[in-house]
Amino acid sequence: TMSDCELILASWGKVESNLADYGGEVLTCLFTEHPDTQKLFPKFVGIPHAELAGNAAIGEHGKTVLTKLGEILKAKGSSDVIKPLATTHANTHKISLNNFK
């Protein structure tokens, strides 16, 4: 909802101050809690779970993920921001909609 979006944006500055570290934590948590998702990222497939935290490549990709998430939050539901990202994930990366639920 928009109120959820506003609540997140109110503290988003802290996240933006260190996107790589927070992004790395988000992806590490995702891969740890849902190990099957790691295979969706070919460059991370061979990284053992014990080595995920602090991995520079994961932090860099996490930075990209959180940067895009910030753009989506700031756009407040605008399809101009969401549609190209959804199209890329569906057509280029072949990511199923079920992975976003």
C-alpha atoms as a PDB file:
ATOM      1  CA  THR A   1       0.000   0.000   0.000  1.00  0.00           C
ATOM      2  CA  MET A   2       1.038   3.612  -0.303  1.00  0.00           C
ATOM      3  CA  SER A   3       1.197   3.964   3.480  1.00  0.00           C
ATOM      4  CA  ASP A   4       3.621   1.012   3.604  1.00  0.00           C
ATOM      5  CA  CYS A   5       5.672   2.658   0.884  1.00  0.00           C
ATOM      6  CA  GLU A   6       5.800   5.946   2.793  1.00  0.00           C
ATOM      7  CA  LEU A   7       6.813   4.140   5.977  1.00  0.00           C
ATOM      8  CA  ILE A   8       9.689   2.407   4.193  1.00  0.00           C
ATOM      9  CA  LEU A   9      10.773   5.612   2.455  1.00  0.00           C
ATOM     10  CA  ALA A  10      10.906   7.400   5.813  1.00  0.00           C
ATOM     11  CA  SER A  11      13.879   5.240   6.778  1.00  0.00           C
ATOM     12  CA  TRP A  12      15.245   4.434   3.309  1.00  0.00           C
ATOM     13  CA  GLY A  13      18.055   6.978   3.711  1.00  0.00           C
ATOM     14  CA  LYS A  14      19.804   4.652   6.155  1.00  0.00           C
ATOM     15  CA  VAL A  15      19.686   1.847   3.591  1.00  0.00           C
ATOM     16  CA  GLU A  16      20.933   4.156   0.830  1.00  0.00           C
ATOM     17  CA  SER A  17      23.905   5.143   2.963  1.00  0.00           C
ATOM     18  CA  ASN A  18      25.355   1.637   2.541  1.00  0.00           C
ATOM     19  CA  LEU A  19      23.639  -0.171  -0.326  1.00  0.00           C
ATOM     20  CA  ALA A  20      26.368  -2.788  -0.880  1.00  0.00           C
ATOM     21  CA  ASP A  21      26.435  -3.972   2.738  1.00  0.00           C
ATOM     22  CA  TYR A  22      22.660  -4.004   3.162  1.00  0.00           C
ATOM     23  CA  GLY A  23      22.199  -5.516  -0.291  1.00  0.00           C
ATOM     24  CA  GLY A  24      24.693  -8.244   0.518  1.00  0.00           C
ATOM     25  CA  GLU A  25      22.817  -8.989   3.727  1.00  0.00           C
ATOM     26  CA  VAL A  26      19.504  -9.181   1.862  1.00  0.00           C
ATOM     27  CA  LEU A  27      20.831 -11.608  -0.762  1.00  0.00           C
ATOM     28  CA  THR A  28      22.686 -13.674   1.837  1.00  0.00           C
ATOM     29  CA  CYS A  29      19.460 -13.984   3.824  1.00  0.00           C
ATOM     30  CA  LEU A  30      17.499 -14.863   0.672  1.00  0.00           C
ATOM     31  CA  PHE A  31      19.972 -17.589  -0.332  1.00  0.00           C
ATOM     32  CA  THR A  32      20.166 -18.940   3.218  1.00  0.00           C
ATOM     33  CA  GLU A  33      16.417 -19.001   3.881  1.00  0.00           C
ATOM     34  CA  HIS A  34      15.510 -20.109   0.334  1.00  0.00           C
ATOM     35  CA  PRO A  35      18.510 -22.055  -1.031  1.00  0.00           C
ATOM     36  CA  ASP A  36      16.721 -22.837  -4.306  1.00  0.00           C
ATOM     37  CA  THR A  37      16.851 -19.144  -5.248  1.00  0.00           C
ATOM     38  CA  GLN A  38      20.646 -19.127  -5.427  1.00  0.00           C
ATOM     39  CA  LYS A  39      20.499 -21.199  -8.640  1.00  0.00           C
ATOM     40  CA  LEU A  40      18.625 -18.314 -10.297  1.00  0.00           C
ATOM     41  CA  PHE A  41      21.864 -16.301 -10.095  1.00  0.00           C
ATOM     42  CA  PRO A  42      24.386 -18.253 -12.225  1.00  0.00           C
ATOM     43  CA  LYS A  43      27.402 -16.293 -10.977  1.00  0.00           C
ATOM     44  CA  PHE A  44      26.575 -17.265  -7.378  1.00  0.00           C
ATOM     45  CA  VAL A  45      25.798 -20.968  -7.893  1.00  0.00           C
ATOM     46  CA  GLY A  46      29.198 -22.243  -6.749  1.00  0.00           C
ATOM     47  CA  ILE A  47      29.469 -20.116  -3.622  1.00  0.00           C
ATOM     48  CA  PRO A  48      28.983 -22.242  -0.478  1.00  0.00           C
ATOM     49  CA  HIS A  49      26.460 -20.858   2.014  1.00  0.00           C
ATOM     50  CA  ALA A  50      29.209 -20.404   4.596  1.00  0.00           C
ATOM     51  CA  GLU A  51      30.946 -17.960   2.218  1.00  0.00           C
ATOM     52  CA  LEU A  52      27.944 -15.851   1.217  1.00  0.00           C
ATOM     53  CA  ALA A  53      28.222 -13.217   3.958  1.00  0.00           C
ATOM     54  CA  GLY A  54      30.785 -10.606   3.060  1.00  0.00           C
ATOM     55  CA  ASN A  55      31.232 -11.815  -0.531  1.00  0.00           C
ATOM     56  CA  ALA A  56      32.029  -8.717  -2.620  1.00  0.00           C
ATOM     57  CA  ALA A  57      30.167  -9.912  -5.735  1.00  0.00           C
ATOM     58  CA  ILE A  58      27.030 -10.606  -3.715  1.00  0.00           C
ATOM     59  CA  GLY A  59      27.306  -7.186  -2.086  1.00  0.00           C
ATOM     60  CA  GLU A  60      27.651  -5.512  -5.496  1.00  0.00           C
ATOM     61  CA  HIS A  61      24.613  -7.305  -6.885  1.00  0.00           C
ATOM     62  CA  GLY A  62      22.722  -6.561  -3.677  1.00  0.00           C
ATOM     63  CA  LYS A  63      23.553  -2.896  -4.217  1.00  0.00           C
ATOM     64  CA  THR A  64      21.952  -3.103  -7.670  1.00  0.00           C
ATOM     65  CA  VAL A  65      18.874  -4.824  -6.241  1.00  0.00           C
ATOM     66  CA  LEU A  66      18.397  -2.233  -3.499  1.00  0.00           C
ATOM     67  CA  THR A  67      19.052   0.642  -5.901  1.00  0.00           C
ATOM     68  CA  LYS A  68      16.230  -0.619  -8.133  1.00  0.00           C
ATOM     69  CA  LEU A  69      14.004  -1.228  -5.112  1.00  0.00           C
ATOM     70  CA  GLY A  70      14.611   2.374  -4.036  1.00  0.00           C
ATOM     71  CA  GLU A  71      13.615   3.600  -7.505  1.00  0.00           C
ATOM     72  CA  ILE A  72      10.408   1.554  -7.332  1.00  0.00           C
ATOM     73  CA  LEU A  73       9.577   2.835  -3.850  1.00  0.00           C
ATOM     74  CA  LYS A  74      10.197   6.451  -4.858  1.00  0.00           C
ATOM     75  CA  ALA A  75       8.062   6.006  -7.992  1.00  0.00           C
ATOM     76  CA  LYS A  76       5.176   4.961  -5.715  1.00  0.00           C
ATOM     77  CA  GLY A  77       3.697   2.374  -8.035  1.00  0.00           C
ATOM     78  CA  SER A  78       4.417   4.058 -11.357  1.00  0.00           C
ATOM     79  CA  SER A  79       4.447   1.493 -14.141  1.00  0.00           C
ATOM     80  CA  ASP A  80       7.063   3.632 -15.950  1.00  0.00           C
ATOM     81  CA  VAL A  81       9.622   2.343 -13.435  1.00  0.00           C
ATOM     82  CA  ILE A  82       8.239  -1.115 -12.727  1.00  0.00           C
ATOM     83  CA  LYS A  83       7.398  -2.302 -16.262  1.00  0.00           C
ATOM     84  CA  PRO A  84      10.937  -2.227 -17.764  1.00  0.00           C
ATOM     85  CA  LEU A  85      12.345  -4.048 -14.734  1.00  0.00           C
ATOM     86  CA  ALA A  86       9.589  -6.678 -14.839  1.00  0.00           C
ATOM     87  CA  THR A  87      10.084  -7.136 -18.584  1.00  0.00           C
ATOM     88  CA  THR A  88      13.835  -7.653 -18.193  1.00  0.00           C
ATOM     89  CA  HIS A  89      13.373 -10.182 -15.408  1.00  0.00           C
ATOM     90  CA  ALA A  90      10.723 -12.092 -17.361  1.00  0.00           C
ATOM     91  CA  ASN A  91      12.290 -12.029 -20.834  1.00  0.00           C
ATOM     92  CA  THR A  92      16.049 -11.759 -20.319  1.00  0.00           C
ATOM     93  CA  HIS A  93      16.551 -13.488 -16.983  1.00  0.00           C
ATOM     94  CA  LYS A  94      13.568 -15.874 -17.394  1.00  0.00           C
ATOM     95  CA  ILE A  95      12.470 -15.322 -13.789  1.00  0.00           C
ATOM     96  CA  SER A  96       8.982 -16.617 -13.027  1.00  0.00           C
ATOM     97  CA  LEU A  97       6.411 -14.369 -11.376  1.00  0.00           C
ATOM     98  CA  ASN A  98       6.195 -16.946  -8.553  1.00  0.00           C
ATOM     99  CA  ASN A  99       9.687 -15.894  -7.443  1.00  0.00           C
ATOM    100  CA  PHE A 100       8.374 -12.439  -6.572  1.00  0.00           C
ATOM    101  CA  LYS A 101       5.534 -13.566  -4.318  1.00  0.00           C
END
